[in-house]
Protein backbone atom coordinates (compact mmCIF):
# COMPACT_ATOMS: atom_id res chain seq x y z
CA MET A 1 12.82 -11.01 13.36
CA THR A 2 9.04 -10.78 13.43
CA THR A 3 8.99 -8.52 10.38
CA ARG A 4 8.32 -10.44 7.17
CA PRO A 5 9.66 -8.38 4.31
CA THR A 6 8.23 -8.57 0.80
CA SER A 7 10.49 -10.89 -1.17
CA ASP A 8 12.78 -9.30 -3.77
CA ARG A 9 11.09 -11.37 -6.47
CA LEU A 10 7.54 -10.34 -5.43
CA ARG A 11 8.58 -6.68 -5.07
CA GLU A 12 10.05 -6.81 -8.61
CA THR A 13 6.78 -8.28 -9.94
CA LEU A 14 4.81 -5.61 -8.12
CA PHE A 15 6.87 -2.78 -9.55
CA ASN A 16 6.90 -4.24 -13.06
CA VAL A 17 3.06 -3.97 -12.92
CA LEU A 18 3.10 -0.51 -11.31
CA ALA A 19 5.86 0.92 -13.55
CA PRO A 20 3.61 3.26 -15.59
CA ARG A 21 2.00 4.64 -12.45
CA ILE A 22 4.93 5.34 -10.13
CA GLU A 23 6.58 8.42 -11.68
CA GLY A 24 5.14 11.40 -9.70
CA ALA A 25 2.78 9.21 -7.68
CA ALA A 26 1.63 9.77 -4.03
CA PHE A 27 2.40 6.31 -2.48
CA LEU A 28 1.11 5.01 0.85
CA ASP A 29 3.00 2.08 2.39
CA LEU A 30 0.85 0.58 5.17
CA TYR A 31 2.38 -1.85 7.64
CA ALA A 32 5.71 -0.57 6.21
CA GLY A 33 8.07 -2.72 8.25
CA SER A 34 11.61 -2.03 6.98
CA GLY A 35 10.15 0.31 4.33
CA ALA A 36 11.47 -1.77 1.40
CA VAL A 37 8.37 -1.27 -0.77
CA GLY A 38 8.07 2.51 -0.12
CA LEU A 39 11.80 2.96 -0.63
CA GLU A 40 11.48 1.15 -3.97
CA ALA A 41 8.64 3.57 -4.92
CA LEU A 42 10.86 6.53 -4.09
CA SER A 43 13.77 5.08 -6.11
CA ARG A 44 11.40 4.73 -9.11
CA GLY A 45 10.22 8.35 -9.01
CA ALA A 46 7.27 8.54 -6.62
CA ALA A 47 6.73 12.17 -5.64
CA ARG A 48 6.05 11.29 -2.05
CA VAL A 49 5.78 8.20 0.15
CA GLU A 50 4.03 7.99 3.46
CA PHE A 51 5.06 5.07 5.66
CA VAL A 52 2.76 3.79 8.41
CA GLU A 53 4.29 1.46 11.04
CA ARG A 54 3.72 1.17 14.75
CA ALA A 55 6.28 -1.46 15.87
CA GLU A 56 9.31 0.32 17.34
CA PRO A 57 11.87 -2.24 16.11
CA ALA A 58 10.57 -1.93 12.54
CA LEU A 59 10.53 1.86 12.87
CA ARG A 60 14.20 1.81 13.84
CA VAL A 61 15.07 -0.31 10.80
CA LEU A 62 12.94 1.95 8.54
CA ARG A 63 14.58 5.13 9.88
CA GLY A 64 18.00 3.50 9.54
CA ASN A 65 17.31 2.50 5.96
CA LEU A 66 16.27 6.11 5.06
CA ALA A 67 19.40 7.52 6.75
CA ARG A 68 21.69 4.99 5.00
CA LEU A 69 20.20 6.04 1.68
CA GLY A 70 20.64 9.72 2.54
CA LEU A 71 16.98 10.46 2.16
CA THR A 72 15.71 13.55 3.99
CA ALA A 73 12.74 14.56 1.92
CA GLY A 74 9.87 13.10 -0.09
CA PHE A 75 8.58 10.96 2.68
CA ARG A 76 6.72 11.03 5.99
CA ILE A 77 6.57 8.38 8.72
CA HIS A 78 3.41 7.81 10.77
CA ALA A 79 4.51 5.94 13.88
CA THR A 80 1.06 4.68 14.75
CA GLY A 81 -1.43 1.92 13.88
CA VAL A 82 -2.85 1.86 10.41
CA GLY A 83 -6.50 2.35 11.38
CA LEU A 84 -5.66 5.45 13.43
CA ALA A 85 -3.35 6.81 10.73
CA LEU A 86 -6.01 6.39 8.03
CA ARG A 87 -8.69 8.01 10.17
CA LYS A 88 -6.40 11.00 10.93
CA MET A 89 -5.28 11.60 7.34
CA LYS A 90 -7.05 14.51 5.85
CA ALA A 91 -9.37 14.15 2.90
CA GLY A 92 -7.47 15.35 -0.08
CA SER A 93 -4.41 13.19 0.53
CA ALA A 94 -5.37 11.47 -2.70
CA PHE A 95 -2.94 8.59 -2.84
CA ASP A 96 -2.30 7.12 -6.31
CA VAL A 97 -0.97 3.80 -4.99
CA VAL A 98 -1.56 2.19 -1.58
CA PHE A 99 0.31 -0.95 -0.60
CA LEU A 100 -0.59 -2.97 2.51
CA ASP A 101 1.22 -5.96 3.94
CA PRO A 102 -0.08 -6.73 7.39
CA PRO A 103 1.18 -9.82 9.24
CA TYR A 104 -0.18 -12.80 7.33
CA ASP A 105 -2.01 -14.15 10.40
CA ALA A 106 -3.78 -10.83 11.01
CA LEU A 107 -6.75 -11.44 8.70
CA ASP A 108 -8.88 -8.87 10.55
CA GLU A 109 -6.26 -6.23 9.62
CA TYR A 110 -6.80 -6.90 5.93
CA ARG A 111 -10.55 -6.55 6.22
CA ALA A 112 -10.53 -3.52 8.47
CA THR A 113 -7.94 -1.68 6.34
CA LEU A 114 -9.48 -2.46 3.05
CA GLU A 115 -12.92 -1.48 4.32
CA LEU A 116 -11.54 1.79 5.64
CA LEU A 117 -9.89 2.52 2.27
CA GLY A 118 -13.04 1.41 0.40
CA GLY A 119 -15.14 3.81 2.47
CA ALA A 120 -12.81 6.76 2.86
CA THR A 121 -13.49 9.90 0.90
CA GLY A 122 -10.57 11.80 -0.42
CA LEU A 123 -7.83 9.35 0.60
CA LEU A 124 -7.68 7.72 -2.86
CA ALA A 125 -7.25 9.39 -6.24
CA PRO A 126 -10.04 8.42 -8.63
CA ASP A 127 -7.76 6.03 -10.48
CA ALA A 128 -5.86 4.75 -7.44
CA LEU A 129 -4.68 1.19 -6.97
CA VAL A 130 -4.73 -0.54 -3.64
CA ILE A 131 -2.56 -3.63 -3.43
CA ALA A 132 -2.63 -6.13 -0.65
CA GLU A 133 0.13 -8.76 -0.16
CA HIS A 134 -1.27 -11.89 1.48
CA ARG A 135 -0.79 -15.63 1.75
CA ARG A 136 -1.68 -17.33 -1.52
CA LYS A 137 -4.01 -19.76 0.33
CA GLU A 138 -5.84 -16.89 2.11
CA LYS A 139 -8.36 -15.47 -0.32
CA LEU A 140 -9.39 -11.90 0.20
CA GLU A 141 -12.86 -10.66 -0.69
CA GLU A 142 -13.65 -9.45 -4.18
CA ARG A 143 -15.08 -6.19 -2.83
CA TYR A 144 -14.53 -3.86 0.16
CA GLY A 145 -16.87 -0.91 0.03
CA ALA A 146 -16.08 1.07 -3.13
CA LEU A 147 -13.05 -1.11 -3.86
CA GLY A 148 -13.30 -4.01 -6.29
CA ARG A 149 -10.59 -6.49 -7.06
CA THR A 150 -9.15 -6.05 -10.60
CA ARG A 151 -6.33 -8.56 -10.58
CA LEU A 152 -4.75 -11.36 -8.49
CA LEU A 153 -1.12 -12.31 -8.95
CA GLU A 154 0.20 -15.41 -7.24
CA GLN A 155 3.86 -16.17 -6.70
CA GLY A 156 5.18 -18.94 -4.52
CA ASP A 157 3.34 -18.82 -1.15
CA ALA A 158 2.37 -15.16 -1.59
CA ALA A 159 -0.22 -13.30 -3.61
CA LEU A 160 -1.03 -9.71 -4.52
CA SER A 161 -4.62 -8.59 -4.75
CA PHE A 162 -5.09 -5.37 -6.74
CA TYR A 163 -8.13 -3.23 -6.03
CA ALA A 164 -9.50 -0.09 -7.66
CA LEU A 165 -12.48 2.15 -7.03
CA GLU A 166 -15.53 0.89 -8.83
CA ARG A 167 -16.35 3.02 -11.82
CA SER A 168 -19.85 3.74 -10.48
CA GLU A 169 -18.30 5.47 -7.54
CA TRP A 170 -16.69 8.06 -9.78
CA ALA A 171 -19.47 8.84 -12.28
CA GLY A 172 -17.67 8.30 -15.54
CA LYS A 173 -14.08 8.63 -14.31
CA SER A 174 -11.93 5.67 -15.20
CA ALA A 175 -11.06 3.38 -12.28
CA GLY A 176 -8.00 2.36 -14.21
CA SER A 177 -6.95 -1.18 -14.92
CA VAL A 178 -3.95 -3.13 -14.04
């Protein structure tokens, strides 16, 4: 009951924006909860999805959802905290899309996670997108390390902040636009 899933409407909006990027993508679902966002990515053609979730009740729901869908490949579950998981992931993981949805009241989690992603070498593809779901009234920073906000979508009480690597960080490679 403490897991707040991304609403169907917001998830639909998210994937309408991401549609051209999902096919064949490496997708990282942080604070995965039930796994609804990562499962949607798999259903839309992501090559692989990595789920990070530490709460045992949410992990049971996530594993149950994967089993009910008959999924046995194309994903990995990291049953640990997000910070530890990101620090342990090897450079070269090169995720194309990262979605994070910490508990709304955990503002320190947003900052810490976005700063880790903005300073990590090799975790993000050069044209990666990092999307944070948050309360509409809680404004996230415009920049976290090498990540700069490219778009803000607001819907109801929720918002999606889209971040990309700043162009200067990749010497001429496109940071992509949303």
